[in-house]
């Protein structure tokens, strides 16, 4: 229940940043803020070390089992770079944890805007020195794909239907 309540705050806090209602914060900062809100509502007190440990759990998520081999296959013909809402250090930690290889790592942090804001996708294309139409965003979230298409990128949907958060995938 606590994890679901915490996860449910993800999109709203990113929207607050994109709408200018909250200053820019990286994922660790935003995850900490939403975790503290959820804990406060439930009258749960944790030590600073416990809070940090929970926030850093996001740095150790396992990739889908087919991802490492799929990335290697794609890397033989294409430049591969994640474009994540996670900050650069978070994505580096996830890549190391999952033994994932990328040609570079791109992050919403570089644009100071979270997906699906167009500047996130356009910043990625600019940093890769390509026209947005030369970039394909591959994702499992329709809102991310819609944002990329609106910014002029090509898109590919990966069907990752699961019981975890099915509304995000439909």
Protein backbone atom coordinates (compact mmCIF):
# COMPACT_ATOMS: atom_id res chain seq x y z
CA UNK A 1 0.00 0.00 0.00
CA UNK A 2 2.79 2.40 0.91
CA UNK A 3 4.78 1.64 -2.25
CA UNK A 4 1.69 2.08 -4.44
CA UNK A 5 0.82 5.38 -2.75
CA UNK A 6 4.39 6.56 -3.24
CA UNK A 7 4.44 5.49 -6.90
CA UNK A 8 1.11 7.23 -7.53
CA UNK A 9 2.78 10.57 -6.77
CA UNK A 10 5.32 10.19 -9.57
CA UNK A 11 3.39 11.78 -12.44
CA UNK A 12 1.78 14.59 -10.39
CA UNK A 13 5.10 15.86 -9.01
CA UNK A 14 6.70 15.78 -12.48
CA UNK A 15 3.73 17.76 -13.81
CA UNK A 16 4.23 20.31 -11.01
CA UNK A 17 7.84 20.81 -12.17
CA UNK A 18 6.85 21.07 -15.84
CA UNK A 19 4.03 23.51 -15.00
CA UNK A 20 6.39 25.76 -13.01
CA UNK A 21 4.60 25.07 -9.71
CA UNK A 22 7.70 23.46 -8.21
CA UNK A 23 11.36 24.21 -8.90
CA UNK A 24 13.45 21.69 -10.80
CA UNK A 25 14.48 18.71 -8.73
CA UNK A 26 16.13 15.49 -9.76
CA UNK A 27 14.42 12.15 -9.18
CA UNK A 28 16.08 11.56 -5.82
CA UNK A 29 14.88 14.93 -4.58
CA UNK A 30 11.36 14.42 -5.92
CA UNK A 31 11.16 10.84 -4.68
CA UNK A 32 12.24 12.01 -1.23
CA UNK A 33 9.60 14.75 -1.18
CA UNK A 34 6.80 12.38 -2.21
CA UNK A 35 7.99 9.67 0.20
CA UNK A 36 8.00 12.15 3.08
CA UNK A 37 4.44 13.20 2.15
CA UNK A 38 3.20 9.61 2.06
CA UNK A 39 4.88 8.75 5.36
CA UNK A 40 3.58 11.90 7.03
CA UNK A 41 0.01 11.10 5.98
CA UNK A 42 0.41 7.68 7.61
CA UNK A 43 2.17 9.05 10.70
CA UNK A 44 5.29 6.98 9.98
CA UNK A 45 8.67 8.32 11.04
CA UNK A 46 11.89 7.08 9.48
CA UNK A 47 15.48 8.06 10.09
CA UNK A 48 17.37 10.04 7.43
CA UNK A 49 19.35 6.87 6.61
CA UNK A 50 16.15 4.87 6.14
CA UNK A 51 14.72 7.57 3.86
CA UNK A 52 17.91 7.63 1.79
CA UNK A 53 17.89 3.84 1.53
CA UNK A 54 14.32 3.81 0.22
CA UNK A 55 14.99 6.59 -2.29
CA UNK A 56 18.12 4.83 -3.52
CA UNK A 57 16.13 1.63 -4.11
CA UNK A 58 15.11 3.31 -7.40
CA UNK A 59 18.79 3.02 -8.42
CA UNK A 60 18.68 -0.79 -8.18
CA UNK A 61 15.66 -1.77 -10.26
CA UNK A 62 16.13 -4.86 -12.41
CA UNK A 63 15.65 -4.52 -16.17
CA UNK A 64 13.16 -6.65 -18.07
CA UNK A 65 14.92 -9.97 -18.85
CA UNK A 66 15.00 -9.38 -22.63
CA UNK A 67 16.51 -5.90 -22.44
CA UNK A 68 20.28 -6.64 -22.25
CA UNK A 69 20.25 -8.91 -25.32
CA UNK A 70 17.88 -6.59 -27.18
CA UNK A 71 20.11 -3.60 -26.57
CA UNK A 72 23.18 -5.47 -27.76
CA UNK A 73 21.40 -6.49 -30.94
CA UNK A 74 20.28 -2.91 -31.61
CA UNK A 75 23.73 -1.50 -30.81
CA UNK A 76 25.17 -3.47 -33.72
CA UNK A 77 23.33 -1.12 -36.12
CA UNK A 78 22.15 1.93 -34.16
CA UNK A 79 23.30 4.45 -31.59
CA UNK A 80 21.52 3.49 -28.36
CA UNK A 81 20.81 6.06 -25.65
CA UNK A 82 18.13 5.95 -23.00
CA UNK A 83 16.11 9.13 -22.62
CA UNK A 84 14.95 8.88 -19.06
CA UNK A 85 13.09 11.13 -16.69
CA UNK A 86 15.59 9.82 -14.16
CA UNK A 87 18.66 11.97 -13.56
CA UNK A 88 21.99 10.99 -15.05
CA UNK A 89 23.38 9.37 -11.87
CA UNK A 90 20.20 7.33 -11.45
CA UNK A 91 20.38 6.04 -15.04
CA UNK A 92 24.10 5.27 -14.68
CA UNK A 93 23.36 3.28 -11.52
CA UNK A 94 20.49 1.42 -13.24
CA UNK A 95 22.72 0.62 -16.22
CA UNK A 96 25.49 -0.69 -13.98
CA UNK A 97 23.06 -2.68 -11.82
CA UNK A 98 21.41 -4.26 -14.87
CA UNK A 99 24.67 -4.65 -16.82
CA UNK A 100 23.21 -2.56 -19.65
CA UNK A 101 25.42 -0.99 -22.30
CA UNK A 102 24.54 2.29 -23.97
CA UNK A 103 26.42 4.57 -26.34
CA UNK A 104 25.47 7.50 -24.13
CA UNK A 105 22.92 8.38 -21.47
CA UNK A 106 20.40 11.15 -21.94
CA UNK A 107 18.18 12.48 -19.20
CA UNK A 108 15.38 14.94 -18.67
CA UNK A 109 17.85 16.52 -16.26
CA UNK A 110 19.72 17.92 -19.27
CA UNK A 111 16.61 19.82 -20.42
CA UNK A 112 15.28 20.61 -16.92
CA UNK A 113 11.90 19.37 -18.15
CA UNK A 114 10.27 16.02 -17.68
CA UNK A 115 8.76 13.90 -20.44
CA UNK A 116 6.36 14.35 -22.14
CA UNK A 117 7.45 18.02 -22.39
CA UNK A 118 8.72 18.60 -25.97
CA UNK A 119 11.98 20.21 -24.84
CA UNK A 120 13.06 16.90 -23.30
CA UNK A 121 12.93 15.10 -26.65
CA UNK A 122 14.28 18.07 -28.61
CA UNK A 123 17.23 18.43 -26.24
CA UNK A 124 18.09 14.76 -26.78
CA UNK A 125 18.04 15.17 -30.57
CA UNK A 126 20.13 18.35 -30.31
CA UNK A 127 22.73 16.66 -28.08
CA UNK A 128 22.97 13.77 -30.55
CA UNK A 129 23.36 16.33 -33.38
CA UNK A 130 20.49 14.86 -35.38
CA UNK A 131 17.12 16.04 -36.61
CA UNK A 132 14.29 14.87 -34.34
CA UNK A 133 12.91 12.84 -37.26
CA UNK A 134 16.13 10.77 -37.18
CA UNK A 135 15.44 9.63 -33.60
CA UNK A 136 13.16 6.78 -32.61
CA UNK A 137 11.89 6.64 -29.06
CA UNK A 138 11.09 3.08 -28.02
CA UNK A 139 8.87 2.97 -24.94
CA UNK A 140 6.09 1.17 -23.10
CA UNK A 141 4.19 4.28 -22.03
CA UNK A 142 1.75 5.83 -24.51
CA UNK A 143 2.11 9.32 -22.99
CA UNK A 144 5.87 9.18 -23.58
CA UNK A 145 5.35 8.03 -27.16
CA UNK A 146 2.75 10.76 -27.78
CA UNK A 147 5.15 13.39 -26.42
CA UNK A 148 7.94 12.13 -28.65
CA UNK A 149 5.70 12.12 -31.75
CA UNK A 150 4.54 15.66 -30.96
CA UNK A 151 8.22 16.72 -30.87
CA UNK A 152 8.84 15.15 -34.28
CA UNK A 153 10.47 11.87 -33.23
CA UNK A 154 9.58 8.47 -34.61
CA UNK A 155 8.23 6.01 -32.06
CA UNK A 156 7.93 2.30 -31.33
CA UNK A 157 5.69 0.77 -28.69
CA UNK A 158 6.93 -2.09 -26.51
CA UNK A 159 4.02 -3.96 -24.94
CA UNK A 160 4.91 -4.39 -21.28
CA UNK A 161 1.47 -5.06 -19.87
CA UNK A 162 1.75 -6.05 -16.26
CA UNK A 163 -0.28 -6.09 -13.09
CA UNK A 164 2.00 -3.50 -11.48
CA UNK A 165 0.54 -0.33 -12.99
CA UNK A 166 -1.63 -1.38 -15.95
CA UNK A 167 -3.23 2.05 -16.36
CA UNK A 168 0.19 3.47 -17.28
CA UNK A 169 0.60 0.95 -20.07
CA UNK A 170 -2.80 1.09 -21.75
